[in-house]
Every structure is written in C-alpha cells, then in structure tokens.
Amino acid sequence: MISSQSNSSRTSVGDGTWIGWFVGLPGHEFLCRVPTDYIEDKFNLTGLENSVNDFCQALETILDTDFDSQSWSQSVDTANAEKLYGLIHVRYILSARGIDSMCLKYERGDFGVCPRFYCMEQETLPLGLSDVYGQSHVKLYCPRCQDVFQPRSRHAQLDGAMFGTSFPHMFLMQMPTLRPPPSKDKY
C-alpha cells in the first residue's frame, strides 16, 4: 500500500483552497488542477463513492474554499481526500479540458525528458502501472523509445492510479502531432 506523505513535509502556498494546497505540494507538479465545476458534476463522480472511505467528508475537504494550511490541524488525516482527488484527476485528464491542461505541462517539459541518449531529450508523460489506487507509484513513459522510467525521487511518491495505465496512449491519440517519430538509432 502506498502511504501519504508525512505531515511534516506538507507545506505549500496555495490559493486558499484545498485543491490549490494539494497540487502545490512539492512533488505534485505532475498533477493538474481539476476545476471545481468538474468535481461538482455528479456524473464525473459516478462509482467513486464505493472506492473511498468517508466519501462525503473527502469530497467536502476537496471542495473547501477556505483551506488555510497554516492553521490547519496537522492531526487531520487527508488520505481519503487525496485518494478521491487522485481518482477524479485520472478521469479529468482524459476529458477534453484535461487533455489541454496536460498538453501545456507536456509542452513545457513539466514531466521531464527521457534519459536515453538517442531519444534526444524527448518529453515524457506520466503513467500508472495499475489503475488500482495504492498499487504502484507514478512512472514516466517516453513516446519515442516507448519505454517506462522511474521519475525523480520527489515525484516518485505520487500514486500511479492518479494517471492510469492508458493516459499516455489516449493523450497521443488526441494529440497526434505531438507523437515523435521513432528513433533511427538503435541501442
């Protein structure tokens, strides 16, 4: 089971919302900010109430607009809210708006580049090895060599289910102009 970060490392400057705080945490740069209107749409939450303990409290925490991380009680466990946000995030990044958000991150190089020399610093995409929350950490997929790599240690603690097993492939199907040609050089 993948555990949440320790509360001692949970400092972030946000916009006063729980979402702003959470996506602003160090190591969470791969995450997109899911709009509240997407989260409030009950259709987008279908089936998640059975996947998260104390679903209503977790949803209320996520939608908190008066979240103050300085006065927030460190004894409050946000693991359920983090899990719910991750499960909403994986759905959002496959929507049209989510693909656009992830495209901006991809083009800026937020996910890093492939470590292989012949890939010529090809931008990578986040990938989960499992769609089940708590099974594996996020990995990086290189669309040029089509290999999977471990991200830098500060990003490696994100759960892979926050991105899902199909994100890179769906992303490149929606954005075919971003698909790089395969490397002509062999390893």
C-alpha atoms as a PDB file:
ATOM      1  CA  MET A   1       0.000   0.000   0.000  1.00  0.00           C
ATOM      2  CA  ILE A   2       1.337   3.426  -0.900  1.00  0.00           C
ATOM      3  CA  SER A   3       1.272   5.790   2.036  1.00  0.00           C
ATOM      4  CA  SER A   4       0.653   9.505   2.027  1.00  0.00           C
ATOM      5  CA  GLN A   5       3.466  11.962   2.632  1.00  0.00           C
ATOM      6  CA  SER A   6       4.291  12.736   6.207  1.00  0.00           C
ATOM      7  CA  ASN A   7       2.574  15.785   7.618  1.00  0.00           C
ATOM      8  CA  SER A   8       5.931  17.396   8.415  1.00  0.00           C
ATOM      9  CA  SER A   9       6.656  17.805   4.681  1.00  0.00           C
ATOM     10  CA  ARG A  10       3.252  19.240   3.842  1.00  0.00           C
ATOM     11  CA  THR A  11       3.898  22.900   3.345  1.00  0.00           C
ATOM     12  CA  SER A  12       2.571  24.604   0.266  1.00  0.00           C
ATOM     13  CA  VAL A  13       1.491  28.041  -0.761  1.00  0.00           C
ATOM     14  CA  GLY A  14      -1.919  27.830  -2.381  1.00  0.00           C
ATOM     15  CA  ASP A  15      -4.840  29.996  -3.298  1.00  0.00           C
ATOM     16  CA  GLY A  16      -6.775  29.289  -0.111  1.00  0.00           C
ATOM     17  CA  THR A  17      -8.400  26.109  -1.420  1.00  0.00           C
ATOM     18  CA  TRP A  18      -7.589  22.529  -0.551  1.00  0.00           C
ATOM     19  CA  ILE A  19      -7.011  21.792  -4.244  1.00  0.00           C
ATOM     20  CA  GLY A  20      -4.567  24.698  -4.551  1.00  0.00           C
ATOM     21  CA  TRP A  21      -2.711  23.466  -1.484  1.00  0.00           C
ATOM     22  CA  PHE A  22      -2.613  19.849  -2.665  1.00  0.00           C
ATOM     23  CA  VAL A  23      -1.435  20.445  -6.244  1.00  0.00           C
ATOM     24  CA  GLY A  24       1.074  22.991  -4.918  1.00  0.00           C
ATOM     25  CA  LEU A  25       2.828  20.498  -2.638  1.00  0.00           C
ATOM     26  CA  PRO A  26       6.435  19.726  -3.571  1.00  0.00           C
ATOM     27  CA  GLY A  27       6.469  16.679  -5.836  1.00  0.00           C
ATOM     28  CA  HIS A  28       2.920  17.218  -7.066  1.00  0.00           C
ATOM     29  CA  GLU A  29       3.912  19.175 -10.182  1.00  0.00           C
ATOM     30  CA  PHE A  30       2.641  16.344 -12.425  1.00  0.00           C
ATOM     31  CA  LEU A  31      -0.931  16.913 -11.192  1.00  0.00           C
ATOM     32  CA  CYS A  32      -3.417  19.183 -12.923  1.00  0.00           C
ATOM     33  CA  ARG A  33      -5.756  21.437 -11.057  1.00  0.00           C
ATOM     34  CA  VAL A  34      -9.180  19.850 -11.568  1.00  0.00           C
ATOM     35  CA  PRO A  35     -11.832  22.608 -11.854  1.00  0.00           C
ATOM     36  CA  THR A  36     -14.457  22.614  -9.113  1.00  0.00           C
ATOM     37  CA  ASP A  37     -17.285  22.548 -11.670  1.00  0.00           C
ATOM     38  CA  TYR A  38     -15.908  19.226 -12.939  1.00  0.00           C
ATOM     39  CA  ILE A  39     -15.734  17.863  -9.374  1.00  0.00           C
ATOM     40  CA  GLU A  40     -19.230  19.122  -8.504  1.00  0.00           C
ATOM     41  CA  ASP A  41     -20.756  17.367 -11.539  1.00  0.00           C
ATOM     42  CA  LYS A  42     -22.160  14.154 -10.033  1.00  0.00           C
ATOM     43  CA  PHE A  43     -21.704  12.321 -13.356  1.00  0.00           C
ATOM     44  CA  ASN A  44     -17.925  12.649 -13.013  1.00  0.00           C
ATOM     45  CA  LEU A  45     -18.072  11.059  -9.544  1.00  0.00           C
ATOM     46  CA  THR A  46     -20.148   8.022 -10.532  1.00  0.00           C
ATOM     47  CA  GLY A  47     -18.867   4.893  -8.794  1.00  0.00           C
ATOM     48  CA  LEU A  48     -16.238   6.670  -6.710  1.00  0.00           C
ATOM     49  CA  GLU A  49     -18.335   6.650  -3.536  1.00  0.00           C
ATOM     50  CA  ASN A  50     -17.559   2.921  -3.229  1.00  0.00           C
ATOM     51  CA  SER A  51     -13.808   3.444  -3.752  1.00  0.00           C
ATOM     52  CA  VAL A  52     -13.134   5.956  -0.978  1.00  0.00           C
ATOM     53  CA  ASN A  53     -13.833   5.656   2.744  1.00  0.00           C
ATOM     54  CA  ASP A  54     -15.920   8.546   4.116  1.00  0.00           C
ATOM     55  CA  PHE A  55     -16.641   9.792   0.577  1.00  0.00           C
ATOM     56  CA  CYS A  56     -18.787  12.776   1.611  1.00  0.00           C
ATOM     57  CA  GLN A  57     -16.173  14.126   4.046  1.00  0.00           C
ATOM     58  CA  ALA A  58     -13.400  13.620   1.464  1.00  0.00           C
ATOM     59  CA  LEU A  59     -15.432  15.487  -1.182  1.00  0.00           C
ATOM     60  CA  GLU A  60     -16.167  18.292   1.270  1.00  0.00           C
ATOM     61  CA  THR A  61     -12.458  18.581   2.048  1.00  0.00           C
ATOM     62  CA  ILE A  62     -11.546  18.761  -1.653  1.00  0.00           C
ATOM     63  CA  LEU A  63     -14.110  21.478  -2.314  1.00  0.00           C
ATOM     64  CA  ASP A  64     -13.060  23.515   0.757  1.00  0.00           C
ATOM     65  CA  THR A  65     -12.556  27.107  -0.409  1.00  0.00           C
ATOM     66  CA  ASP A  66     -11.376  28.410   2.974  1.00  0.00           C
ATOM     67  CA  PHE A  67      -8.497  25.995   3.485  1.00  0.00           C
ATOM     68  CA  ASP A  68      -5.686  27.543   5.493  1.00  0.00           C
ATOM     69  CA  SER A  69      -2.680  25.241   5.621  1.00  0.00           C
ATOM     70  CA  GLN A  70      -1.077  27.363   8.373  1.00  0.00           C
ATOM     71  CA  SER A  71      -3.912  26.937  10.863  1.00  0.00           C
ATOM     72  CA  TRP A  72      -4.975  23.537   9.578  1.00  0.00           C
ATOM     73  CA  SER A  73      -4.742  20.835  12.190  1.00  0.00           C
ATOM     74  CA  GLN A  74      -1.873  18.518  11.285  1.00  0.00           C
ATOM     75  CA  SER A  75      -3.723  15.739  13.082  1.00  0.00           C
ATOM     76  CA  VAL A  76      -6.448  15.717  10.394  1.00  0.00           C
ATOM     77  CA  ASP A  77      -5.926  12.813   8.003  1.00  0.00           C
ATOM     78  CA  THR A  78      -6.463  13.855   4.391  1.00  0.00           C
ATOM     79  CA  ALA A  79      -5.660  10.427   2.903  1.00  0.00           C
ATOM     80  CA  ASN A  80      -9.267   9.894   1.778  1.00  0.00           C
ATOM     81  CA  ALA A  81      -9.414  13.332   0.149  1.00  0.00           C
ATOM     82  CA  GLU A  82      -6.077  12.694  -1.570  1.00  0.00           C
ATOM     83  CA  LYS A  83      -7.288   9.342  -2.878  1.00  0.00           C
ATOM     84  CA  LEU A  84     -10.578  10.822  -4.084  1.00  0.00           C
ATOM     85  CA  TYR A  85      -8.782  13.713  -5.795  1.00  0.00           C
ATOM     86  CA  GLY A  86      -6.462  11.226  -7.499  1.00  0.00           C
ATOM     87  CA  LEU A  87      -9.393   9.165  -8.769  1.00  0.00           C
ATOM     88  CA  ILE A  88     -11.139  12.312 -10.037  1.00  0.00           C
ATOM     89  CA  HIS A  89      -7.847  13.504 -11.570  1.00  0.00           C
ATOM     90  CA  VAL A  90      -7.418  10.355 -13.683  1.00  0.00           C
ATOM     91  CA  ARG A  91     -10.901  10.888 -15.130  1.00  0.00           C
ATOM     92  CA  TYR A  92     -10.338  14.608 -15.694  1.00  0.00           C
ATOM     93  CA  ILE A  93      -7.070  14.231 -17.612  1.00  0.00           C
ATOM     94  CA  LEU A  94      -8.876  12.051 -20.162  1.00  0.00           C
ATOM     95  CA  SER A  95     -11.516  14.755 -20.789  1.00  0.00           C
ATOM     96  CA  ALA A  96     -11.045  17.450 -23.452  1.00  0.00           C
ATOM     97  CA  ARG A  97     -10.173  20.117 -20.869  1.00  0.00           C
ATOM     98  CA  GLY A  98      -7.876  17.736 -19.030  1.00  0.00           C
ATOM     99  CA  ILE A  99      -6.017  16.781 -22.212  1.00  0.00           C
ATOM    100  CA  ASP A 100      -5.476  20.504 -22.871  1.00  0.00           C
ATOM    101  CA  SER A 101      -4.142  21.021 -19.332  1.00  0.00           C
ATOM    102  CA  MET A 102      -1.788  18.076 -19.632  1.00  0.00           C
ATOM    103  CA  CYS A 103      -0.697  19.257 -23.087  1.00  0.00           C
ATOM    104  CA  LEU A 104       0.510  22.530 -21.575  1.00  0.00           C
ATOM    105  CA  LYS A 105       2.505  20.620 -18.969  1.00  0.00           C
ATOM    106  CA  TYR A 106       3.913  18.274 -21.631  1.00  0.00           C
ATOM    107  CA  GLU A 107       4.977  21.114 -23.927  1.00  0.00           C
ATOM    108  CA  ARG A 108       6.628  22.969 -21.016  1.00  0.00           C
ATOM    109  CA  GLY A 109       8.526  19.814 -20.126  1.00  0.00           C
ATOM    110  CA  ASP A 110       6.983  19.569 -16.647  1.00  0.00           C
ATOM    111  CA  PHE A 111       7.180  15.759 -16.726  1.00  0.00           C
ATOM    112  CA  GLY A 112      10.852  15.662 -17.633  1.00  0.00           C
ATOM    113  CA  VAL A 113      12.717  14.088 -20.523  1.00  0.00           C
ATOM    114  CA  CYS A 114      13.761  10.588 -21.466  1.00  0.00           C
ATOM    115  CA  PRO A 115      17.169   9.664 -20.033  1.00  0.00           C
ATOM    116  CA  ARG A 116      18.184   7.756 -23.180  1.00  0.00           C
ATOM    117  CA  PHE A 117      20.713   9.495 -25.406  1.00  0.00           C
ATOM    118  CA  TYR A 118      19.103   8.531 -28.728  1.00  0.00           C
ATOM    119  CA  CYS A 119      15.738   9.939 -27.643  1.00  0.00           C
ATOM    120  CA  MET A 120      17.301  13.418 -27.805  1.00  0.00           C
ATOM    121  CA  GLU A 121      15.637  14.719 -24.639  1.00  0.00           C
ATOM    122  CA  GLN A 122      12.162  13.636 -25.707  1.00  0.00           C
ATOM    123  CA  GLU A 123       9.471  14.875 -23.300  1.00  0.00           C
ATOM    124  CA  THR A 124       7.831  12.126 -21.258  1.00  0.00           C
ATOM    125  CA  LEU A 125       4.313  11.541 -19.959  1.00  0.00           C
ATOM    126  CA  PRO A 126       3.187  10.222 -16.546  1.00  0.00           C
ATOM    127  CA  LEU A 127       1.894   6.663 -16.420  1.00  0.00           C
ATOM    128  CA  GLY A 128       0.470   4.348 -13.807  1.00  0.00           C
ATOM    129  CA  LEU A 129       1.298   0.657 -13.884  1.00  0.00           C
ATOM    130  CA  SER A 130      -2.037  -0.076 -12.227  1.00  0.00           C
ATOM    131  CA  ASP A 131      -5.463   1.543 -12.223  1.00  0.00           C
ATOM    132  CA  VAL A 132      -5.927   0.401  -8.618  1.00  0.00           C
ATOM    133  CA  TYR A 133      -5.052   3.084  -6.090  1.00  0.00           C
ATOM    134  CA  GLY A 134      -2.200   2.117  -3.778  1.00  0.00           C
ATOM    135  CA  GLN A 135      -0.606  -0.490  -6.059  1.00  0.00           C
ATOM    136  CA  SER A 136       2.277   1.425  -7.631  1.00  0.00           C
ATOM    137  CA  HIS A 137       3.879   4.826  -7.885  1.00  0.00           C
ATOM    138  CA  VAL A 138       3.825   7.002 -10.997  1.00  0.00           C
ATOM    139  CA  LYS A 139       6.270   6.198 -13.796  1.00  0.00           C
ATOM    140  CA  LEU A 140       7.278   8.117 -16.932  1.00  0.00           C
ATOM    141  CA  TYR A 141       6.619   6.936 -20.485  1.00  0.00           C
ATOM    142  CA  CYS A 142       8.793   8.028 -23.416  1.00  0.00           C
ATOM    143  CA  PRO A 143       6.780   8.121 -26.647  1.00  0.00           C
ATOM    144  CA  ARG A 144       9.958   7.910 -28.771  1.00  0.00           C
ATOM    145  CA  CYS A 145      11.526   4.712 -27.371  1.00  0.00           C
ATOM    146  CA  GLN A 146       8.220   3.560 -25.817  1.00  0.00           C
ATOM    147  CA  ASP A 147       9.904   2.634 -22.566  1.00  0.00           C
ATOM    148  CA  VAL A 148       8.905   3.323 -18.969  1.00  0.00           C
ATOM    149  CA  PHE A 149      11.193   5.016 -16.447  1.00  0.00           C
ATOM    150  CA  GLN A 150      11.265   5.969 -12.794  1.00  0.00           C
ATOM    151  CA  PRO A 151      10.750   9.736 -12.253  1.00  0.00           C
ATOM    152  CA  ARG A 152      12.921  11.868  -9.998  1.00  0.00           C
ATOM    153  CA  SER A 153      12.564  10.956  -6.363  1.00  0.00           C
ATOM    154  CA  ARG A 154      10.457  13.998  -5.443  1.00  0.00           C
ATOM    155  CA  HIS A 155       7.768  12.992  -7.977  1.00  0.00           C
ATOM    156  CA  ALA A 156       8.041   9.263  -7.387  1.00  0.00           C
ATOM    157  CA  GLN A 157       5.681   9.294  -4.389  1.00  0.00           C
ATOM    158  CA  LEU A 158       2.563  10.115  -6.422  1.00  0.00           C
ATOM    159  CA  ASP A 159       0.249   7.170  -6.902  1.00  0.00           C
ATOM    160  CA  GLY A 160       0.241   5.809 -10.459  1.00  0.00           C
ATOM    161  CA  ALA A 161      -3.551   5.441 -10.374  1.00  0.00           C
ATOM    162  CA  MET A 162      -3.775   9.260 -10.441  1.00  0.00           C
ATOM    163  CA  PHE A 163      -2.778   8.979 -14.123  1.00  0.00           C
ATOM    164  CA  GLY A 164      -3.944   5.498 -15.045  1.00  0.00           C
ATOM    165  CA  THR A 165      -2.469   2.888 -17.337  1.00  0.00           C
ATOM    166  CA  SER A 166      -3.813   4.386 -20.556  1.00  0.00           C
ATOM    167  CA  PHE A 167      -3.109   8.113 -20.211  1.00  0.00           C
ATOM    168  CA  PRO A 168      -0.037   8.446 -22.500  1.00  0.00           C
ATOM    169  CA  HIS A 169      -1.694   6.456 -25.267  1.00  0.00           C
ATOM    170  CA  MET A 170      -5.002   8.341 -25.064  1.00  0.00           C
ATOM    171  CA  PHE A 171      -3.102  11.637 -24.917  1.00  0.00           C
ATOM    172  CA  LEU A 172      -1.121  10.847 -28.068  1.00  0.00           C
ATOM    173  CA  MET A 173      -4.267   9.648 -29.853  1.00  0.00           C
ATOM    174  CA  GLN A 174      -5.897  13.003 -29.105  1.00  0.00           C
ATOM    175  CA  MET A 175      -2.731  14.965 -29.950  1.00  0.00           C
ATOM    176  CA  PRO A 176      -1.205  13.046 -32.905  1.00  0.00           C
ATOM    177  CA  THR A 177       1.026  15.966 -33.911  1.00  0.00           C
ATOM    178  CA  LEU A 178       2.901  15.532 -30.622  1.00  0.00           C
ATOM    179  CA  ARG A 179       3.769  11.895 -31.356  1.00  0.00           C
ATOM    180  CA  PRO A 180       7.501  11.817 -32.109  1.00  0.00           C
ATOM    181  CA  PRO A 181       8.955   9.663 -34.865  1.00  0.00           C
ATOM    182  CA  PRO A 182      10.769   6.560 -33.590  1.00  0.00           C
ATOM    183  CA  SER A 183      14.490   6.882 -33.117  1.00  0.00           C
ATOM    184  CA  LYS A 184      16.510   5.741 -36.146  1.00  0.00           C
ATOM    185  CA  ASP A 185      19.428   4.808 -33.920  1.00  0.00           C
ATOM    186  CA  LYS A 186      19.372   1.515 -32.036  1.00  0.00           C
ATOM    187  CA  TYR A 187      20.695   0.783 -28.573  1.00  0.00           C
END
